[in-house]
Structures are given as structure tokens and as C-alpha cells.
PDB file of N, CA and C in Angstrom:
ATOM      1  N   MET A   1      -0.726  -6.544  -3.655  1.00  0.00           N
ATOM      2  CA  MET A   1      -1.706  -6.172  -2.829  1.00  0.00           C
ATOM      3  C   MET A   1      -1.890  -7.150  -1.450  1.00  0.00           C
ATOM      4  N   THR A   2      -1.876  -6.881  -0.373  1.00  0.00           N
ATOM      5  CA  THR A   2      -2.614  -7.388   1.084  1.00  0.00           C
ATOM      6  C   THR A   2      -3.809  -7.444   0.992  1.00  0.00           C
ATOM      7  N   SER A   3      -4.152  -8.956   1.633  1.00  0.00           N
ATOM      8  CA  SER A   3      -5.463  -9.335   2.015  1.00  0.00           C
ATOM      9  C   SER A   3      -5.880  -9.079   3.097  1.00  0.00           C
ATOM     10  N   THR A   4      -4.913  -8.590   3.926  1.00  0.00           N
ATOM     11  CA  THR A   4      -4.790  -9.099   5.717  1.00  0.00           C
ATOM     12  C   THR A   4      -5.802  -7.818   5.905  1.00  0.00           C
ATOM     13  N   ASN A   5      -6.251  -7.613   7.377  1.00  0.00           N
ATOM     14  CA  ASN A   5      -7.040  -6.814   8.069  1.00  0.00           C
ATOM     15  C   ASN A   5      -6.096  -5.431   8.428  1.00  0.00           C
ATOM     16  N   VAL A   6      -6.454  -4.388   8.096  1.00  0.00           N
ATOM     17  CA  VAL A   6      -5.881  -3.121   8.341  1.00  0.00           C
ATOM     18  C   VAL A   6      -6.339  -2.687   9.749  1.00  0.00           C
ATOM     19  N   LYS A   7      -5.334  -2.299  10.568  1.00  0.00           N
ATOM     20  CA  LYS A   7      -5.355  -1.720  11.968  1.00  0.00           C
ATOM     21  C   LYS A   7      -6.273  -0.262  11.973  1.00  0.00           C
ATOM     22  N   VAL A   8      -7.320  -0.624  12.061  1.00  0.00           N
ATOM     23  CA  VAL A   8      -8.418   0.724  12.176  1.00  0.00           C
ATOM     24  C   VAL A   8      -9.510   0.935  13.234  1.00  0.00           C
ATOM     25  N   SER A   9     -10.087   1.700  13.550  1.00  0.00           N
ATOM     26  CA  SER A   9     -10.796   1.323  14.866  1.00  0.00           C
ATOM     27  C   SER A   9     -12.298   1.020  14.303  1.00  0.00           C
ATOM     28  N   SER A  10     -12.944   0.557  15.328  1.00  0.00           N
ATOM     29  CA  SER A  10     -14.152   0.171  15.139  1.00  0.00           C
ATOM     30  C   SER A  10     -15.285   0.925  14.196  1.00  0.00           C
ATOM     31  N   VAL A  11     -15.155   2.134  14.242  1.00  0.00           N
ATOM     32  CA  VAL A  11     -15.730   3.138  13.703  1.00  0.00           C
ATOM     33  C   VAL A  11     -15.781   2.965  11.996  1.00  0.00           C
ATOM     34  N   GLU A  12     -14.019   3.163  12.065  1.00  0.00           N
ATOM     35  CA  GLU A  12     -13.818   3.044  10.453  1.00  0.00           C
ATOM     36  C   GLU A  12     -13.759   1.646  10.144  1.00  0.00           C
ATOM     37  N   LEU A  13     -13.713   0.766  10.423  1.00  0.00           N
ATOM     38  CA  LEU A  13     -14.032  -1.028  10.329  1.00  0.00           C
ATOM     39  C   LEU A  13     -15.475  -0.920   9.781  1.00  0.00           C
ATOM     40  N   ASN A  14     -16.555  -0.388  10.457  1.00  0.00           N
ATOM     41  CA  ASN A  14     -17.830  -0.187  10.172  1.00  0.00           C
ATOM     42  C   ASN A  14     -18.070   0.434   9.300  1.00  0.00           C
ATOM     43  N   ILE A  15     -17.513   1.652   8.467  1.00  0.00           N
ATOM     44  CA  ILE A  15     -17.774   2.445   7.418  1.00  0.00           C
ATOM     45  C   ILE A  15     -17.149   1.650   6.119  1.00  0.00           C
ATOM     46  N   VAL A  16     -15.853   1.120   6.473  1.00  0.00           N
ATOM     47  CA  VAL A  16     -15.121   0.087   5.496  1.00  0.00           C
ATOM     48  C   VAL A  16     -16.143  -0.936   4.887  1.00  0.00           C
ATOM     49  N   ASN A  17     -16.527  -1.594   5.941  1.00  0.00           N
ATOM     50  CA  ASN A  17     -17.819  -2.856   5.634  1.00  0.00           C
ATOM     51  C   ASN A  17     -18.990  -2.473   5.178  1.00  0.00           C
ATOM     52  N   ASP A  18     -19.373  -1.194   5.556  1.00  0.00           N
ATOM     53  CA  ASP A  18     -20.937  -0.601   4.947  1.00  0.00           C
ATOM     54  C   ASP A  18     -20.354  -0.818   3.669  1.00  0.00           C
ATOM     55  N   VAL A  19     -19.571   0.258   3.305  1.00  0.00           N
ATOM     56  CA  VAL A  19     -19.590   0.477   1.938  1.00  0.00           C
ATOM     57  C   VAL A  19     -18.945  -0.864   1.276  1.00  0.00           C
ATOM     58  N   GLN A  20     -18.396  -1.849   1.422  1.00  0.00           N
ATOM     59  CA  GLN A  20     -17.546  -2.778   0.676  1.00  0.00           C
ATOM     60  C   GLN A  20     -19.316  -3.394   0.472  1.00  0.00           C
ATOM     61  N   ASN A  21     -20.155  -3.846   1.168  1.00  0.00           N
ATOM     62  CA  ASN A  21     -21.500  -4.065   1.546  1.00  0.00           C
ATOM     63  C   ASN A  21     -22.606  -3.812   0.095  1.00  0.00           C
ATOM     64  N   VAL A  22     -22.462  -2.404   0.201  1.00  0.00           N
ATOM     65  CA  VAL A  22     -23.409  -1.787  -1.141  1.00  0.00           C
ATOM     66  C   VAL A  22     -22.692  -1.700  -2.084  1.00  0.00           C
ATOM     67  N   ILE A  23     -21.207  -2.068  -2.060  1.00  0.00           N
ATOM     68  CA  ILE A  23     -20.659  -1.987  -3.606  1.00  0.00           C
ATOM     69  C   ILE A  23     -21.028  -3.928  -3.854  1.00  0.00           C
ATOM     70  N   THR A  24     -20.550  -4.411  -3.157  1.00  0.00           N
ATOM     71  CA  THR A  24     -20.966  -5.872  -3.606  1.00  0.00           C
ATOM     72  C   THR A  24     -22.476  -6.286  -4.054  1.00  0.00           C
ATOM     73  N   ARG A  25     -23.509  -5.451  -2.975  1.00  0.00           N
ATOM     74  CA  ARG A  25     -24.967  -5.870  -3.293  1.00  0.00           C
ATOM     75  C   ARG A  25     -25.129  -5.441  -4.854  1.00  0.00           C
ATOM     76  N   THR A  26     -24.756  -4.236  -5.534  1.00  0.00           N
ATOM     77  CA  THR A  26     -24.721  -3.913  -6.740  1.00  0.00           C
ATOM     78  C   THR A  26     -24.018  -4.703  -7.504  1.00  0.00           C
ATOM     79  N   PHE A  27     -22.615  -4.698  -7.606  1.00  0.00           N
ATOM     80  CA  PHE A  27     -21.676  -5.464  -8.289  1.00  0.00           C
ATOM     81  C   PHE A  27     -20.814  -6.831  -7.796  1.00  0.00           C
ATOM     82  N   PRO A  28     -22.189  -7.919  -7.726  1.00  0.00           N
ATOM     83  CA  PRO A  28     -21.214  -8.820  -6.529  1.00  0.00           C
ATOM     84  C   PRO A  28     -20.164  -9.577  -7.463  1.00  0.00           C
ATOM     85  N   GLN A  29     -19.781  -9.481  -8.782  1.00  0.00           N
ATOM     86  CA  GLN A  29     -18.776 -10.313  -9.123  1.00  0.00           C
ATOM     87  C   GLN A  29     -17.330  -9.582  -9.083  1.00  0.00           C
ATOM     88  N   ALA A  30     -17.441  -7.929  -8.714  1.00  0.00           N
ATOM     89  CA  ALA A  30     -16.407  -7.249  -8.067  1.00  0.00           C
ATOM     90  C   ALA A  30     -15.211  -7.189  -7.521  1.00  0.00           C
ATOM     91  N   GLU A  31     -14.033  -7.001  -7.692  1.00  0.00           N
ATOM     92  CA  GLU A  31     -12.883  -6.806  -6.852  1.00  0.00           C
ATOM     93  C   GLU A  31     -12.929  -5.568  -6.090  1.00  0.00           C
ATOM     94  N   ILE A  32     -13.286  -5.504  -4.831  1.00  0.00           N
ATOM     95  CA  ILE A  32     -12.916  -4.195  -4.176  1.00  0.00           C
ATOM     96  C   ILE A  32     -11.720  -4.297  -3.477  1.00  0.00           C
ATOM     97  N   ILE A  33     -10.917  -2.943  -3.728  1.00  0.00           N
ATOM     98  CA  ILE A  33      -9.891  -2.737  -2.753  1.00  0.00           C
ATOM     99  C   ILE A  33      -9.851  -1.218  -2.183  1.00  0.00           C
ATOM    100  N   LEU A  34      -9.267  -1.631  -0.980  1.00  0.00           N
ATOM    101  CA  LEU A  34      -9.463  -0.128  -0.117  1.00  0.00           C
ATOM    102  C   LEU A  34      -8.082   0.496  -0.457  1.00  0.00           C
ATOM    103  N   TYR A  35      -7.911   1.659  -0.533  1.00  0.00           N
ATOM    104  CA  TYR A  35      -6.656   2.301  -0.546  1.00  0.00           C
ATOM    105  C   TYR A  35      -6.696   3.851  -0.011  1.00  0.00           C
ATOM    106  N   GLY A  36      -5.174   3.977   0.215  1.00  0.00           N
ATOM    107  CA  GLY A  36      -5.058   5.241   0.368  1.00  0.00           C
ATOM    108  C   GLY A  36      -4.633   5.187   1.656  1.00  0.00           C
ATOM    109  N   SER A  37      -4.744   6.463   2.835  1.00  0.00           N
ATOM    110  CA  SER A  37      -4.439   6.539   4.557  1.00  0.00           C
ATOM    111  C   SER A  37      -5.413   5.657   4.940  1.00  0.00           C
ATOM    112  N   THR A  38      -6.489   5.111   4.714  1.00  0.00           N
ATOM    113  CA  THR A  38      -7.233   4.275   5.794  1.00  0.00           C
ATOM    114  C   THR A  38      -6.654   2.634   5.234  1.00  0.00           C
ATOM    115  N   ALA A  39      -6.110   2.362   4.228  1.00  0.00           N
ATOM    116  CA  ALA A  39      -5.663   1.154   4.333  1.00  0.00           C
ATOM    117  C   ALA A  39      -3.805   1.411   4.647  1.00  0.00           C
ATOM    118  N   LYS A  40      -3.083   2.123   4.582  1.00  0.00           N
ATOM    119  CA  LYS A  40      -1.910   2.644   5.963  1.00  0.00           C
ATOM    120  C   LYS A  40      -1.972   2.364   6.863  1.00  0.00           C
ATOM    121  N   GLY A  41      -3.363   2.563   7.525  1.00  0.00           N
ATOM    122  CA  GLY A  41      -3.520   2.881   9.059  1.00  0.00           C
ATOM    123  C   GLY A  41      -3.269   3.990   9.468  1.00  0.00           C
ATOM    124  N   LYS A  42      -2.958   4.936   8.270  1.00  0.00           N
ATOM    125  CA  LYS A  42      -2.635   7.075   8.636  1.00  0.00           C
ATOM    126  C   LYS A  42      -3.696   7.738   8.804  1.00  0.00           C
ATOM    127  N   ARG A  43      -4.613   7.282   8.636  1.00  0.00           N
ATOM    128  CA  ARG A  43      -5.968   8.363   8.329  1.00  0.00           C
ATOM    129  C   ARG A  43      -6.436   9.034   9.322  1.00  0.00           C
ATOM    130  N   THR A  44      -6.773  10.502   9.009  1.00  0.00           N
ATOM    131  CA  THR A  44      -6.900  11.501   9.585  1.00  0.00           C
ATOM    132  C   THR A  44      -8.127  11.965   9.647  1.00  0.00           C
ATOM    133  N   VAL A  45      -8.673  12.837  10.315  1.00  0.00           N
ATOM    134  CA  VAL A  45     -10.000  13.399  10.594  1.00  0.00           C
ATOM    135  C   VAL A  45     -10.301  14.021   9.114  1.00  0.00           C
ATOM    136  N   ALA A  46      -9.513  14.277   8.552  1.00  0.00           N
ATOM    137  CA  ALA A  46      -9.317  15.242   7.100  1.00  0.00           C
ATOM    138  C   ALA A  46      -9.276  14.165   5.786  1.00  0.00           C
ATOM    139  N   SER A  47      -8.749  12.917   6.769  1.00  0.00           N
ATOM    140  CA  SER A  47      -8.771  11.528   5.064  1.00  0.00           C
ATOM    141  C   SER A  47      -9.940  11.542   4.614  1.00  0.00           C
ATOM    142  N   ASP A  48     -10.239  10.666   3.387  1.00  0.00           N
ATOM    143  CA  ASP A  48     -11.505  10.151   2.741  1.00  0.00           C
ATOM    144  C   ASP A  48     -11.239   8.600   3.111  1.00  0.00           C
ATOM    145  N   TYR A  49     -11.907   8.149   2.570  1.00  0.00           N
ATOM    146  CA  TYR A  49     -11.934   5.986   2.731  1.00  0.00           C
ATOM    147  C   TYR A  49     -12.157   6.160   0.856  1.00  0.00           C
ATOM    148  N   ASP A  50     -10.783   5.601   0.403  1.00  0.00           N
ATOM    149  CA  ASP A  50     -10.641   5.140  -0.917  1.00  0.00           C
ATOM    150  C   ASP A  50     -10.849   4.042  -1.715  1.00  0.00           C
ATOM    151  N   PHE A  51     -11.712   3.775  -2.402  1.00  0.00           N
ATOM    152  CA  PHE A  51     -12.199   2.715  -2.810  1.00  0.00           C
ATOM    153  C   PHE A  51     -11.855   1.908  -4.114  1.00  0.00           C
ATOM    154  N   LEU A  52     -11.227   1.248  -4.801  1.00  0.00           N
ATOM    155  CA  LEU A  52     -11.116   1.068  -6.210  1.00  0.00           C
ATOM    156  C   LEU A  52     -12.404  -0.277  -6.457  1.00  0.00           C
ATOM    157  N   VAL A  53     -13.159  -0.483  -7.628  1.00  0.00           N
ATOM    158  CA  VAL A  53     -13.972  -1.453  -7.835  1.00  0.00           C
ATOM    159  C   VAL A  53     -13.624  -1.633  -9.228  1.00  0.00           C
ATOM    160  N   ILE A  54     -13.330  -3.103  -9.434  1.00  0.00           N
ATOM    161  CA  ILE A  54     -12.613  -3.653 -10.528  1.00  0.00           C
ATOM    162  C   ILE A  54     -13.418  -4.591 -11.116  1.00  0.00           C
ATOM    163  N   THR A  55     -14.043  -4.216 -11.990  1.00  0.00           N
ATOM    164  CA  THR A  55     -15.484  -5.116 -12.515  1.00  0.00           C
ATOM    165  C   THR A  55     -14.955  -5.825 -14.250  1.00  0.00           C
ATOM    166  N   ASN A  56     -15.847  -6.752 -14.806  1.00  0.00           N
ATOM    167  CA  ASN A  56     -15.235  -7.757 -15.833  1.00  0.00           C
ATOM    168  C   ASN A  56     -15.882  -6.799 -17.122  1.00  0.00           C
ATOM    169  N   SER A  57     -16.753  -5.793 -16.500  1.00  0.00           N
ATOM    170  CA  SER A  57     -17.196  -5.278 -17.790  1.00  0.00           C
ATOM    171  C   SER A  57     -17.234  -3.620 -17.672  1.00  0.00           C
ATOM    172  N   ARG A  58     -17.533  -2.400 -18.528  1.00  0.00           N
ATOM    173  CA  ARG A  58     -17.791  -1.069 -18.261  1.00  0.00           C
ATOM    174  C   ARG A  58     -18.733  -0.952 -17.451  1.00  0.00           C
ATOM    175  N   VAL A  59     -18.934  -0.068 -16.323  1.00  0.00           N
ATOM    176  CA  VAL A  59     -19.943  -0.003 -15.590  1.00  0.00           C
ATOM    177  C   VAL A  59     -20.625   1.498 -16.031  1.00  0.00           C
ATOM    178  N   SER A  60     -21.782   1.971 -16.336  1.00  0.00           N
ATOM    179  CA  SER A  60     -22.168   2.974 -16.787  1.00  0.00           C
ATOM    180  C   SER A  60     -23.064   4.124 -15.484  1.00  0.00           C
ATOM    181  N   GLU A  61     -22.753   5.087 -15.468  1.00  0.00           N
ATOM    182  CA  GLU A  61     -23.319   6.177 -14.610  1.00  0.00           C
ATOM    183  C   GLU A  61     -24.506   5.779 -13.754  1.00  0.00           C
ATOM    184  N   LYS A  62     -25.593   5.086 -14.654  1.00  0.00           N
ATOM    185  CA  LYS A  62     -26.441   4.921 -14.142  1.00  0.00           C
ATOM    186  C   LYS A  62     -26.725   3.217 -13.091  1.00  0.00           C
ATOM    187  N   GLN A  63     -25.492   2.344 -13.650  1.00  0.00           N
ATOM    188  CA  GLN A  63     -25.127   1.319 -13.034  1.00  0.00           C
ATOM    189  C   GLN A  63     -24.514   1.863 -11.452  1.00  0.00           C
ATOM    190  N   LYS A  64     -24.066   2.765 -11.641  1.00  0.00           N
ATOM    191  CA  LYS A  64     -23.116   3.524 -10.245  1.00  0.00           C
ATOM    192  C   LYS A  64     -24.018   3.903  -9.104  1.00  0.00           C
ATOM    193  N   GLU A  65     -25.140   4.437  -9.830  1.00  0.00           N
ATOM    194  CA  GLU A  65     -26.361   5.431  -9.159  1.00  0.00           C
ATOM    195  C   GLU A  65     -26.580   4.498  -7.513  1.00  0.00           C
ATOM    196  N   PRO A  66     -27.005   3.315  -7.131  1.00  0.00           N
ATOM    197  CA  PRO A  66     -27.328   2.716  -6.093  1.00  0.00           C
ATOM    198  C   PRO A  66     -26.544   3.103  -5.070  1.00  0.00           C
ATOM    199  N   VAL A  67     -25.021   2.959  -5.506  1.00  0.00           N
ATOM    200  CA  VAL A  67     -23.661   3.204  -4.795  1.00  0.00           C
ATOM    201  C   VAL A  67     -24.016   4.509  -4.352  1.00  0.00           C
ATOM    202  N   PHE A  68     -23.585   5.405  -5.428  1.00  0.00           N
ATOM    203  CA  PHE A  68     -23.420   6.498  -4.799  1.00  0.00           C
ATOM    204  C   PHE A  68     -24.602   7.389  -4.292  1.00  0.00           C
ATOM    205  N   ASP A  69     -25.732   7.037  -4.586  1.00  0.00           N
ATOM    206  CA  ASP A  69     -27.064   7.522  -3.500  1.00  0.00           C
ATOM    207  C   ASP A  69     -26.739   6.917  -2.270  1.00  0.00           C
ATOM    208  N   TYR A  70     -26.250   6.006  -1.835  1.00  0.00           N
ATOM    209  CA  TYR A  70     -26.259   5.476  -0.491  1.00  0.00           C
ATOM    210  C   TYR A  70     -24.923   6.390   0.139  1.00  0.00           C
ATOM    211  N   VAL A  71     -24.014   5.946  -0.201  1.00  0.00           N
ATOM    212  CA  VAL A  71     -22.793   6.528   0.104  1.00  0.00           C
ATOM    213  C   VAL A  71     -22.731   8.195   0.349  1.00  0.00           C
ATOM    214  N   PHE A  72     -23.501   9.119  -0.712  1.00  0.00           N
ATOM    215  CA  PHE A  72     -23.831  10.328  -0.610  1.00  0.00           C
ATOM    216  C   PHE A  72     -24.345  10.918   0.460  1.00  0.00           C
ATOM    217  N   LYS A  73     -25.595   9.876   0.557  1.00  0.00           N
ATOM    218  CA  LYS A  73     -26.641  10.499   1.780  1.00  0.00           C
ATOM    219  C   LYS A  73     -26.164  10.111   3.164  1.00  0.00           C
ATOM    220  N   LYS A  74     -25.232   8.570   3.079  1.00  0.00           N
ATOM    221  CA  LYS A  74     -25.169   8.311   4.531  1.00  0.00           C
ATOM    222  C   LYS A  74     -23.941   8.853   4.970  1.00  0.00           C
ATOM    223  N   TYR A  75     -23.084   8.862   4.256  1.00  0.00           N
ATOM    224  CA  TYR A  75     -21.847   9.688   4.707  1.00  0.00           C
ATOM    225  C   TYR A  75     -21.156  11.019   4.149  1.00  0.00           C
ATOM    226  N   ILE A  76     -21.582  11.419   3.471  1.00  0.00           N
ATOM    227  CA  ILE A  76     -21.124  12.421   2.894  1.00  0.00           C
ATOM    228  C   ILE A  76     -22.219  13.663   3.379  1.00  0.00           C
ATOM    229  N   LEU A  77     -23.424  13.551   3.020  1.00  0.00           N
ATOM    230  CA  LEU A  77     -24.406  14.811   4.164  1.00  0.00           C
ATOM    231  C   LEU A  77     -24.817  14.425   5.168  1.00  0.00           C
ATOM    232  N   GLU A  78     -24.890  13.062   5.525  1.00  0.00           N
ATOM    233  CA  GLU A  78     -25.273  13.336   7.149  1.00  0.00           C
ATOM    234  C   GLU A  78     -23.954  13.124   7.596  1.00  0.00           C
ATOM    235  N   LYS A  79     -22.749  12.609   7.564  1.00  0.00           N
ATOM    236  CA  LYS A  79     -22.010  12.239   8.276  1.00  0.00           C
ATOM    237  C   LYS A  79     -20.392  13.068   7.735  1.00  0.00           C
ATOM    238  N   ASN A  80     -20.518  14.083   7.049  1.00  0.00           N
ATOM    239  CA  ASN A  80     -19.447  14.811   6.449  1.00  0.00           C
ATOM    240  C   ASN A  80     -18.271  14.015   6.476  1.00  0.00           C
ATOM    241  N   ILE A  81     -18.442  12.834   5.809  1.00  0.00           N
ATOM    242  CA  ILE A  81     -17.202  11.894   5.629  1.00  0.00           C
ATOM    243  C   ILE A  81     -17.249  11.484   4.203  1.00  0.00           C
ATOM    244  N   GLU A  82     -16.156  12.014   3.806  1.00  0.00           N
ATOM    245  CA  GLU A  82     -15.563  11.547   2.229  1.00  0.00           C
ATOM    246  C   GLU A  82     -15.585  10.392   1.904  1.00  0.00           C
ATOM    247  N   VAL A  83     -15.983   9.586   0.974  1.00  0.00           N
ATOM    248  CA  VAL A  83     -15.877   8.088   0.310  1.00  0.00           C
ATOM    249  C   VAL A  83     -15.912   8.701  -1.059  1.00  0.00           C
ATOM    250  N   SER A  84     -14.359   7.836  -1.362  1.00  0.00           N
ATOM    251  CA  SER A  84     -14.114   8.122  -2.910  1.00  0.00           C
ATOM    252  C   SER A  84     -14.088   6.906  -3.879  1.00  0.00           C
ATOM    253  N   ILE A  85     -15.072   6.650  -4.468  1.00  0.00           N
ATOM    254  CA  ILE A  85     -15.268   5.343  -5.239  1.00  0.00           C
ATOM    255  C   ILE A  85     -14.601   5.243  -6.558  1.00  0.00           C
ATOM    256  N   PHE A  86     -14.018   4.569  -7.217  1.00  0.00           N
ATOM    257  CA  PHE A  86     -13.245   4.802  -8.524  1.00  0.00           C
ATOM    258  C   PHE A  86     -13.492   3.516  -9.249  1.00  0.00           C
ATOM    259  N   TYR A  87     -13.859   3.326 -10.470  1.00  0.00           N
ATOM    260  CA  TYR A  87     -14.362   1.987 -11.213  1.00  0.00           C
ATOM    261  C   TYR A  87     -13.536   1.714 -12.224  1.00  0.00           C
ATOM    262  N   GLN A  88     -12.895   0.594 -12.567  1.00  0.00           N
ATOM    263  CA  GLN A  88     -11.883   0.045 -13.411  1.00  0.00           C
ATOM    264  C   GLN A  88     -12.209  -0.967 -13.989  1.00  0.00           C
ATOM    265  N   THR A  89     -12.045  -1.276 -15.406  1.00  0.00           N
ATOM    266  CA  THR A  89     -12.837  -2.318 -15.940  1.00  0.00           C
ATOM    267  C   THR A  89     -11.162  -3.500 -15.549  1.00  0.00           C
ATOM    268  N   ARG A  90     -11.457  -4.823 -15.589  1.00  0.00           N
ATOM    269  CA  ARG A  90     -10.477  -5.716 -15.268  1.00  0.00           C
ATOM    270  C   ARG A  90      -9.400  -5.268 -16.404  1.00  0.00           C
ATOM    271  N   GLU A  91      -9.850  -5.235 -17.562  1.00  0.00           N
ATOM    272  CA  GLU A  91      -9.039  -4.849 -18.960  1.00  0.00           C
ATOM    273  C   GLU A  91      -7.983  -3.866 -18.725  1.00  0.00           C
ATOM    274  N   ASN A  92      -8.721  -2.757 -18.311  1.00  0.00           N
ATOM    275  CA  ASN A  92      -7.867  -1.422 -18.555  1.00  0.00           C
ATOM    276  C   ASN A  92      -7.243  -1.396 -17.312  1.00  0.00           C
ATOM    277  N   TRP A  93      -7.765  -2.009 -15.831  1.00  0.00           N
ATOM    278  CA  TRP A  93      -6.899  -2.863 -14.747  1.00  0.00           C
ATOM    279  C   TRP A  93      -5.147  -2.761 -15.044  1.00  0.00           C
ATOM    280  N   GLU A  94      -5.472  -3.857 -16.136  1.00  0.00           N
ATOM    281  CA  GLU A  94      -4.377  -5.133 -16.402  1.00  0.00           C
ATOM    282  C   GLU A  94      -3.701  -4.389 -17.520  1.00  0.00           C
ATOM    283  N   SER A  95      -3.844  -3.571 -18.346  1.00  0.00           N
ATOM    284  CA  SER A  95      -3.343  -2.751 -19.261  1.00  0.00           C
ATOM    285  C   SER A  95      -1.872  -2.104 -19.247  1.00  0.00           C
ATOM    286  N   LYS A  96      -0.977  -2.081 -20.234  1.00  0.00           N
ATOM    287  CA  LYS A  96       0.624  -2.283 -19.899  1.00  0.00           C
ATOM    288  C   LYS A  96       0.711  -0.367 -19.242  1.00  0.00           C
ATOM    289  N   VAL A  97      -0.083   0.199 -19.644  1.00  0.00           N
ATOM    290  CA  VAL A  97      -0.302   1.555 -19.447  1.00  0.00           C
ATOM    291  C   VAL A  97      -0.544   1.649 -17.765  1.00  0.00           C
ATOM    292  N   MET A  98      -1.667   1.035 -17.195  1.00  0.00           N
ATOM    293  CA  MET A  98      -2.479   1.637 -16.330  1.00  0.00           C
ATOM    294  C   MET A  98      -1.207   0.982 -15.302  1.00  0.00           C
ATOM    295  N   LYS A  99      -0.849  -0.322 -15.651  1.00  0.00           N
ATOM    296  CA  LYS A  99       0.360  -1.132 -14.857  1.00  0.00           C
ATOM    297  C   LYS A  99       1.858   0.079 -14.306  1.00  0.00           C
ATOM    298  N   GLY A 100       2.204   0.844 -15.570  1.00  0.00           N
ATOM    299  CA  GLY A 100       2.808   1.670 -15.599  1.00  0.00           C
ATOM    300  C   GLY A 100       2.729   3.564 -14.695  1.00  0.00           C
ATOM    301  N   SER A 101       1.691   3.348 -14.173  1.00  0.00           N
ATOM    302  CA  SER A 101       1.393   4.413 -13.420  1.00  0.00           C
ATOM    303  C   SER A 101       1.230   4.545 -12.260  1.00  0.00           C
ATOM    304  N   PRO A 102       1.693   5.241 -11.677  1.00  0.00           N
ATOM    305  CA  PRO A 102       2.195   5.361  -9.986  1.00  0.00           C
ATOM    306  C   PRO A 102       0.540   5.248  -9.194  1.00  0.00           C
ATOM    307  N   TYR A 103      -0.353   5.227  -9.701  1.00  0.00           N
ATOM    308  CA  TYR A 103      -1.618   5.039  -8.988  1.00  0.00           C
ATOM    309  C   TYR A 103      -1.585   3.824  -8.938  1.00  0.00           C
ATOM    310  N   TYR A 104      -1.296   2.793 -10.089  1.00  0.00           N
ATOM    311  CA  TYR A 104      -1.410   1.315 -10.143  1.00  0.00           C
ATOM    312  C   TYR A 104      -0.361   0.839  -8.905  1.00  0.00           C
ATOM    313  N   GLN A 105       1.161   1.178  -9.165  1.00  0.00           N
ATOM    314  CA  GLN A 105       1.829   1.005  -7.874  1.00  0.00           C
ATOM    315  C   GLN A 105       1.337   1.083  -6.716  1.00  0.00           C
ATOM    316  N   ASN A 106       0.956   2.338  -6.423  1.00  0.00           N
ATOM    317  CA  ASN A 106       0.641   2.805  -4.994  1.00  0.00           C
ATOM    318  C   ASN A 106      -0.627   1.938  -4.704  1.00  0.00           C
ATOM    319  N   ILE A 107      -1.712   1.245  -5.522  1.00  0.00           N
ATOM    320  CA  ILE A 107      -2.727   0.641  -4.704  1.00  0.00           C
ATOM    321  C   ILE A 107      -2.347  -1.144  -4.809  1.00  0.00           C
ATOM    322  N   THR A 108      -1.366  -1.450  -5.706  1.00  0.00           N
ATOM    323  CA  THR A 108      -1.222  -2.802  -5.660  1.00  0.00           C
ATOM    324  C   THR A 108       0.300  -3.197  -4.258  1.00  0.00           C
ATOM    325  N   GLN A 109       0.565  -2.124  -4.097  1.00  0.00           N
ATOM    326  CA  GLN A 109       1.815  -2.099  -2.981  1.00  0.00           C
ATOM    327  C   GLN A 109       1.199  -2.098  -1.434  1.00  0.00           C
ATOM    328  N   GLU A 110      -0.204  -0.915  -1.543  1.00  0.00           N
ATOM    329  CA  GLU A 110      -0.624  -0.688  -0.161  1.00  0.00           C
ATOM    330  C   GLU A 110      -1.952  -1.362  -0.071  1.00  0.00           C
ATOM    331  N   GLY A 111      -2.773  -1.392  -1.311  1.00  0.00           N
ATOM    332  CA  GLY A 111      -4.029  -1.608  -0.971  1.00  0.00           C
ATOM    333  C   GLY A 111      -4.385  -3.057  -0.331  1.00  0.00           C
ATOM    334  N   ILE A 112      -5.583  -2.724   0.259  1.00  0.00           N
ATOM    335  CA  ILE A 112      -6.160  -4.119   0.878  1.00  0.00           C
ATOM    336  C   ILE A 112      -7.513  -4.982   0.095  1.00  0.00           C
ATOM    337  N   VAL A 113      -7.309  -5.905  -0.645  1.00  0.00           N
ATOM    338  CA  VAL A 113      -8.218  -6.764  -1.149  1.00  0.00           C
ATOM    339  C   VAL A 113      -9.511  -6.863  -0.347  1.00  0.00           C
ATOM    340  N   LEU A 114     -10.560  -6.598  -0.200  1.00  0.00           N
ATOM    341  CA  LEU A 114     -11.839  -6.527   0.163  1.00  0.00           C
ATOM    342  C   LEU A 114     -12.584  -7.795   0.088  1.00  0.00           C
ATOM    343  N   SER A 115     -12.605  -7.928  -1.111  1.00  0.00           N
ATOM    344  CA  SER A 115     -13.258  -8.701  -1.936  1.00  0.00           C
ATOM    345  C   SER A 115     -12.850  -8.818  -3.373  1.00  0.00           C
TER     346      SER A 115
END
């Protein structure tokens, strides 16, 4: 995974930073990875923002609510911007099954570690 900045517009960068900040406030120990078309610098108006949040322990739906509520209201409802956030435990993310998946390969090759 790369840890360098992606070439995005200032608007896109503001969205990425804002979502990263709300995730970090809720899950301060999490690793956050931006992946997909935005990370590749190929985002279109139809693209969403894809984030992977890797935590040390399982995250309940209740724990995810502050992030979901913020992102849903600010981006999906108010601006019609799709933001997808997926959660994985570190143990699951580093499992043999996951490491063999195209999902893992894509993120580790093209994802950008934000924190």
C-alpha cells in the first residue's frame, strides 16, 4: 500500500480528510485506507469514496452509528455523494483467506493508507 498523497481536487481532498477525521474521532486506533477510483486518481462524478477501516477488535453496528450518521447526512443526503465505509478486524484482514482474495490484493496494491 502506498502512503503518499493521491492527486485529487481540493474538493475531493476535503471530503477524504473530513471522512478520515470522523472515523479517527470514533476509532482512534484504526488504520484507514482509501481505495478504489479516488485512490487511483480516476474518480468520476458517478464514483463513490471507498474507505476501509481496520480495527483491533470487532466493531458493532452501534459503534459505527456516529460515523454512518455523519457521512449519511453530510454527503449522501445533502450532497448526493456516495461514501462507502467497510470495517475489518486486523485478525480477519490478515487471514490467509482474505490475503487470497481479489479485494485484499486490490486494496494492498492500490490503496492509500491515511492513518
